[in-house]
Amino acid sequence: MQHTETAEQHSLPAKFFETLEQEVLLSQDMLAILSEEQKALVNMDMQGLIRLSARKENRLSRIQALDGLLAEMAGALRPDAREKTVRLAALIPLLNPEEGEKLGQYRQKLTGLREEILSRNQINKHFASDVKHYLNDAIHLITSGIADRPIYGLNGLSRKPSLNQPSLLSREV
């Protein structure tokens, strides 16, 4: 009976934990980028925002690649799984206790980091949306007075001739 229990427990390759560690580091880097992005948004630094956007895209693609690699390695451990991707929590009962605990710790770290990334990204998105809304309102307030009082009539002549308004025809002619 003891032999059967050890036969059912699996061991993850060292590359699996290395990949998890890389994913944790990339997620922490993504949080740092999002903090920089928030500062750039507050300072209206467009060049900084463009640079940070490229960095965010790079980190995101690298995280997705690592997710795919982890899914492949986890799928090899559970070939009978019906789902395309195997969740980390589903692997924990299959592992020996030490590796299960280690995997659980990585899972908690990654879950916390992903939630923080989502939260900061939403804050930055809402901040940018609010600023855009305020700028549009300000532009509308500034230009609405001009738009409500057209300078020229339908025939192209100035409605109220004055020296301060432009005219299509010179008054001297």
C-alpha atoms as a PDB file:
ATOM      1  CA  MET A   1       0.000   0.000   0.000  1.00  0.00           C
ATOM      2  CA  GLN A   2       2.847   2.383   0.840  1.00  0.00           C
ATOM      3  CA  HIS A   3       4.373   1.721  -2.584  1.00  0.00           C
ATOM      4  CA  THR A   4       1.148   2.774  -4.344  1.00  0.00           C
ATOM      5  CA  GLU A   5       1.036   6.143  -2.571  1.00  0.00           C
ATOM      6  CA  THR A   6       4.576   7.040  -3.608  1.00  0.00           C
ATOM      7  CA  ALA A   7       3.887   5.890  -7.145  1.00  0.00           C
ATOM      8  CA  GLU A   8       0.971   8.334  -7.383  1.00  0.00           C
ATOM      9  CA  GLN A   9       3.026  11.287  -6.164  1.00  0.00           C
ATOM     10  CA  HIS A  10       4.939  13.096  -8.866  1.00  0.00           C
ATOM     11  CA  SER A  11       7.874  15.423  -8.928  1.00  0.00           C
ATOM     12  CA  LEU A  12       8.059  18.607 -10.970  1.00  0.00           C
ATOM     13  CA  PRO A  13      11.126  19.313 -13.060  1.00  0.00           C
ATOM     14  CA  ALA A  14      13.486  22.006 -11.756  1.00  0.00           C
ATOM     15  CA  LYS A  15      12.695  24.036 -14.891  1.00  0.00           C
ATOM     16  CA  PHE A  16       9.102  24.342 -13.667  1.00  0.00           C
ATOM     17  CA  PHE A  17      10.154  26.194 -10.521  1.00  0.00           C
ATOM     18  CA  GLU A  18      12.691  28.277 -12.469  1.00  0.00           C
ATOM     19  CA  THR A  19       9.895  29.315 -14.821  1.00  0.00           C
ATOM     20  CA  LEU A  20       7.664  30.206 -11.871  1.00  0.00           C
ATOM     21  CA  GLU A  21      10.462  32.329 -10.405  1.00  0.00           C
ATOM     22  CA  GLN A  22      10.935  34.121 -13.739  1.00  0.00           C
ATOM     23  CA  GLU A  23       7.209  34.774 -13.879  1.00  0.00           C
ATOM     24  CA  VAL A  24       7.265  36.254 -10.358  1.00  0.00           C
ATOM     25  CA  LEU A  25      10.167  38.545 -11.326  1.00  0.00           C
ATOM     26  CA  LEU A  26       8.442  39.660 -14.532  1.00  0.00           C
ATOM     27  CA  SER A  27       5.219  40.331 -12.621  1.00  0.00           C
ATOM     28  CA  GLN A  28       7.117  42.457 -10.091  1.00  0.00           C
ATOM     29  CA  ASP A  29       8.722  44.319 -12.993  1.00  0.00           C
ATOM     30  CA  MET A  30       5.278  44.891 -14.484  1.00  0.00           C
ATOM     31  CA  LEU A  31       4.153  46.439 -11.184  1.00  0.00           C
ATOM     32  CA  ALA A  32       7.148  48.787 -11.277  1.00  0.00           C
ATOM     33  CA  ILE A  33       6.272  49.774 -14.849  1.00  0.00           C
ATOM     34  CA  LEU A  34       2.675  50.480 -13.816  1.00  0.00           C
ATOM     35  CA  SER A  35       3.916  52.701 -10.973  1.00  0.00           C
ATOM     36  CA  GLU A  36       6.082  54.633 -13.439  1.00  0.00           C
ATOM     37  CA  GLU A  37       3.108  54.864 -15.787  1.00  0.00           C
ATOM     38  CA  GLN A  38       1.001  56.405 -13.023  1.00  0.00           C
ATOM     39  CA  LYS A  39       3.667  59.056 -12.417  1.00  0.00           C
ATOM     40  CA  ALA A  40       3.905  59.747 -16.158  1.00  0.00           C
ATOM     41  CA  LEU A  41       0.115  60.112 -16.347  1.00  0.00           C
ATOM     42  CA  VAL A  42       0.103  62.622 -13.494  1.00  0.00           C
ATOM     43  CA  ASN A  43       2.953  64.574 -15.117  1.00  0.00           C
ATOM     44  CA  MET A  44       1.359  64.336 -18.599  1.00  0.00           C
ATOM     45  CA  ASP A  45       4.649  62.927 -19.935  1.00  0.00           C
ATOM     46  CA  MET A  46       3.610  61.631 -23.349  1.00  0.00           C
ATOM     47  CA  GLN A  47       7.093  60.446 -24.358  1.00  0.00           C
ATOM     48  CA  GLY A  48       7.382  58.521 -21.096  1.00  0.00           C
ATOM     49  CA  LEU A  49       3.953  56.966 -21.616  1.00  0.00           C
ATOM     50  CA  ILE A  50       4.912  55.791 -25.102  1.00  0.00           C
ATOM     51  CA  ARG A  51       8.151  54.271 -23.787  1.00  0.00           C
ATOM     52  CA  LEU A  52       6.338  52.602 -20.885  1.00  0.00           C
ATOM     53  CA  SER A  53       3.670  51.243 -23.199  1.00  0.00           C
ATOM     54  CA  ALA A  54       6.325  49.430 -25.221  1.00  0.00           C
ATOM     55  CA  ARG A  55       7.876  48.034 -22.016  1.00  0.00           C
ATOM     56  CA  LYS A  56       4.471  46.877 -20.772  1.00  0.00           C
ATOM     57  CA  GLU A  57       3.801  45.099 -24.058  1.00  0.00           C
ATOM     58  CA  ASN A  58       7.200  43.371 -23.864  1.00  0.00           C
ATOM     59  CA  ARG A  59       6.633  42.174 -20.282  1.00  0.00           C
ATOM     60  CA  LEU A  60       3.146  40.994 -21.088  1.00  0.00           C
ATOM     61  CA  SER A  61       4.305  38.904 -24.049  1.00  0.00           C
ATOM     62  CA  ARG A  62       7.093  37.392 -21.937  1.00  0.00           C
ATOM     63  CA  ILE A  63       4.644  36.529 -19.129  1.00  0.00           C
ATOM     64  CA  GLN A  64       2.287  34.935 -21.657  1.00  0.00           C
ATOM     65  CA  ALA A  65       5.142  32.865 -23.080  1.00  0.00           C
ATOM     66  CA  LEU A  66       6.037  31.638 -19.597  1.00  0.00           C
ATOM     67  CA  ASP A  67       2.366  30.827 -18.940  1.00  0.00           C
ATOM     68  CA  GLY A  68       2.357  28.694 -22.085  1.00  0.00           C
ATOM     69  CA  LEU A  69       5.539  26.912 -21.046  1.00  0.00           C
ATOM     70  CA  LEU A  70       4.090  26.201 -17.587  1.00  0.00           C
ATOM     71  CA  ALA A  71       0.886  24.896 -19.163  1.00  0.00           C
ATOM     72  CA  GLU A  72       2.891  22.498 -21.349  1.00  0.00           C
ATOM     73  CA  MET A  73       4.896  21.187 -18.398  1.00  0.00           C
ATOM     74  CA  ALA A  74       1.766  20.845 -16.239  1.00  0.00           C
ATOM     75  CA  GLY A  75      -0.063  19.120 -19.070  1.00  0.00           C
ATOM     76  CA  ALA A  76       2.734  16.562 -19.278  1.00  0.00           C
ATOM     77  CA  LEU A  77       2.193  15.811 -15.602  1.00  0.00           C
ATOM     78  CA  ARG A  78      -1.577  15.382 -16.074  1.00  0.00           C
ATOM     79  CA  PRO A  79      -2.148  13.983 -19.571  1.00  0.00           C
ATOM     80  CA  ASP A  80      -5.636  12.792 -18.553  1.00  0.00           C
ATOM     81  CA  ALA A  81      -6.855  16.355 -17.842  1.00  0.00           C
ATOM     82  CA  ARG A  82      -9.912  17.341 -19.850  1.00  0.00           C
ATOM     83  CA  GLU A  83      -9.112  21.043 -19.782  1.00  0.00           C
ATOM     84  CA  LYS A  84      -6.594  22.595 -22.133  1.00  0.00           C
ATOM     85  CA  THR A  85      -4.625  24.140 -19.290  1.00  0.00           C
ATOM     86  CA  VAL A  86      -4.001  22.603 -15.920  1.00  0.00           C
ATOM     87  CA  ARG A  87      -4.352  24.919 -12.951  1.00  0.00           C
ATOM     88  CA  LEU A  88      -1.508  25.066 -10.439  1.00  0.00           C
ATOM     89  CA  ALA A  89      -3.916  24.255  -7.607  1.00  0.00           C
ATOM     90  CA  ALA A  90      -4.824  20.989  -9.371  1.00  0.00           C
ATOM     91  CA  LEU A  91      -1.162  19.920  -9.366  1.00  0.00           C
ATOM     92  CA  ILE A  92      -0.586  20.384  -5.625  1.00  0.00           C
ATOM     93  CA  PRO A  93      -2.317  17.141  -4.502  1.00  0.00           C
ATOM     94  CA  LEU A  94      -0.295  15.142  -7.047  1.00  0.00           C
ATOM     95  CA  LEU A  95       3.073  16.281  -5.695  1.00  0.00           C
ATOM     96  CA  ASN A  96       5.105  15.239  -2.711  1.00  0.00           C
ATOM     97  CA  PRO A  97       4.440  17.496   0.331  1.00  0.00           C
ATOM     98  CA  GLU A  98       7.583  19.650  -0.001  1.00  0.00           C
ATOM     99  CA  GLU A  99       7.022  20.430  -3.672  1.00  0.00           C
ATOM    100  CA  GLY A 100       3.309  20.889  -3.085  1.00  0.00           C
ATOM    101  CA  GLU A 101       4.008  23.489  -0.420  1.00  0.00           C
ATOM    102  CA  LYS A 102       6.569  25.233  -2.628  1.00  0.00           C
ATOM    103  CA  LEU A 103       4.126  25.279  -5.543  1.00  0.00           C
ATOM    104  CA  GLY A 104       1.401  26.618  -3.235  1.00  0.00           C
ATOM    105  CA  GLN A 105       3.671  29.487  -2.168  1.00  0.00           C
ATOM    106  CA  TYR A 106       4.452  30.388  -5.789  1.00  0.00           C
ATOM    107  CA  ARG A 107       0.764  30.181  -6.599  1.00  0.00           C
ATOM    108  CA  GLN A 108      -0.080  32.618  -3.780  1.00  0.00           C
ATOM    109  CA  LYS A 109       2.683  35.024  -4.866  1.00  0.00           C
ATOM    110  CA  LEU A 110       1.549  34.975  -8.477  1.00  0.00           C
ATOM    111  CA  THR A 111      -2.104  35.375  -7.543  1.00  0.00           C
ATOM    112  CA  GLY A 112      -1.296  38.395  -5.372  1.00  0.00           C
ATOM    113  CA  LEU A 113       0.918  39.945  -8.033  1.00  0.00           C
ATOM    114  CA  ARG A 114      -1.676  39.438 -10.774  1.00  0.00           C
ATOM    115  CA  GLU A 115      -4.398  41.002  -8.639  1.00  0.00           C
ATOM    116  CA  GLU A 116      -2.154  43.984  -7.903  1.00  0.00           C
ATOM    117  CA  ILE A 117      -1.299  44.335 -11.612  1.00  0.00           C
ATOM    118  CA  LEU A 118      -4.980  44.269 -12.518  1.00  0.00           C
ATOM    119  CA  SER A 119      -5.801  46.825  -9.825  1.00  0.00           C
ATOM    120  CA  ARG A 120      -3.035  49.265 -10.824  1.00  0.00           C
ATOM    121  CA  ASN A 121      -3.835  48.871 -14.490  1.00  0.00           C
ATOM    122  CA  GLN A 122      -7.502  49.691 -13.813  1.00  0.00           C
ATOM    123  CA  ILE A 123      -6.519  52.744 -11.730  1.00  0.00           C
ATOM    124  CA  ASN A 124      -4.263  54.023 -14.538  1.00  0.00           C
ATOM    125  CA  LYS A 125      -6.948  53.338 -17.139  1.00  0.00           C
ATOM    126  CA  HIS A 126      -9.606  55.217 -15.149  1.00  0.00           C
ATOM    127  CA  PHE A 127      -7.220  58.104 -14.485  1.00  0.00           C
ATOM    128  CA  ALA A 128      -6.423  58.432 -18.202  1.00  0.00           C
ATOM    129  CA  SER A 129     -10.122  58.245 -19.056  1.00  0.00           C
ATOM    130  CA  ASP A 130     -10.979  60.934 -16.499  1.00  0.00           C
ATOM    131  CA  VAL A 131      -8.231  63.251 -17.776  1.00  0.00           C
ATOM    132  CA  LYS A 132      -9.449  62.757 -21.339  1.00  0.00           C
ATOM    133  CA  HIS A 133     -12.996  63.574 -20.253  1.00  0.00           C
ATOM    134  CA  TYR A 134     -11.871  66.735 -18.407  1.00  0.00           C
ATOM    135  CA  LEU A 135      -9.791  67.892 -21.366  1.00  0.00           C
ATOM    136  CA  ASN A 136     -12.694  67.340 -23.753  1.00  0.00           C
ATOM    137  CA  ASP A 137     -14.967  69.323 -21.433  1.00  0.00           C
ATOM    138  CA  ALA A 138     -12.435  72.160 -21.212  1.00  0.00           C
ATOM    139  CA  ILE A 139     -12.007  72.284 -24.984  1.00  0.00           C
ATOM    140  CA  HIS A 140     -15.774  72.305 -25.432  1.00  0.00           C
ATOM    141  CA  LEU A 141     -16.143  75.171 -22.940  1.00  0.00           C
ATOM    142  CA  ILE A 142     -13.443  77.196 -24.680  1.00  0.00           C
ATOM    143  CA  THR A 143     -14.684  76.612 -28.212  1.00  0.00           C
ATOM    144  CA  SER A 144     -18.441  76.586 -27.626  1.00  0.00           C
ATOM    145  CA  GLY A 145     -18.645  80.390 -27.546  1.00  0.00           C
ATOM    146  CA  ILE A 146     -16.922  80.581 -30.886  1.00  0.00           C
ATOM    147  CA  ALA A 147     -19.002  77.808 -32.442  1.00  0.00           C
ATOM    148  CA  ASP A 148     -22.281  79.397 -31.299  1.00  0.00           C
ATOM    149  CA  ARG A 149     -21.476  82.749 -32.945  1.00  0.00           C
ATOM    150  CA  PRO A 150     -20.336  82.163 -36.506  1.00  0.00           C
ATOM    151  CA  ILE A 151     -18.250  84.916 -37.951  1.00  0.00           C
ATOM    152  CA  TYR A 152     -19.581  84.604 -41.498  1.00  0.00           C
ATOM    153  CA  GLY A 153     -23.146  84.277 -42.775  1.00  0.00           C
ATOM    154  CA  LEU A 154     -24.391  81.941 -45.464  1.00  0.00           C
ATOM    155  CA  ASN A 155     -23.341  84.305 -48.264  1.00  0.00           C
ATOM    156  CA  GLY A 156     -19.780  84.475 -46.941  1.00  0.00           C
ATOM    157  CA  LEU A 157     -20.011  88.067 -45.765  1.00  0.00           C
ATOM    158  CA  SER A 158     -19.348  89.100 -42.249  1.00  0.00           C
ATOM    159  CA  ARG A 159     -22.565  89.363 -40.234  1.00  0.00           C
ATOM    160  CA  LYS A 160     -21.384  92.349 -38.260  1.00  0.00           C
ATOM    161  CA  PRO A 161     -18.740  94.274 -40.086  1.00  0.00           C
ATOM    162  CA  SER A 162     -16.051  95.609 -37.840  1.00  0.00           C
ATOM    163  CA  LEU A 163     -12.407  96.320 -38.096  1.00  0.00           C
ATOM    164  CA  ASN A 164     -11.568  93.532 -35.640  1.00  0.00           C
ATOM    165  CA  GLN A 165     -13.245  90.724 -37.570  1.00  0.00           C
ATOM    166  CA  PRO A 166     -11.801  89.134 -40.678  1.00  0.00           C
ATOM    167  CA  SER A 167     -13.578  89.792 -43.936  1.00  0.00           C
ATOM    168  CA  LEU A 168     -13.502  87.940 -47.242  1.00  0.00           C
ATOM    169  CA  LEU A 169     -13.561  91.232 -49.151  1.00  0.00           C
ATOM    170  CA  SER A 170     -11.459  94.172 -48.294  1.00  0.00           C
ATOM    171  CA  ARG A 171     -13.500  97.173 -47.143  1.00  0.00           C
ATOM    172  CA  GLU A 172     -11.299  99.460 -49.202  1.00  0.00           C
ATOM    173  CA  VAL A 173     -12.462  97.854 -52.432  1.00  0.00           C
END
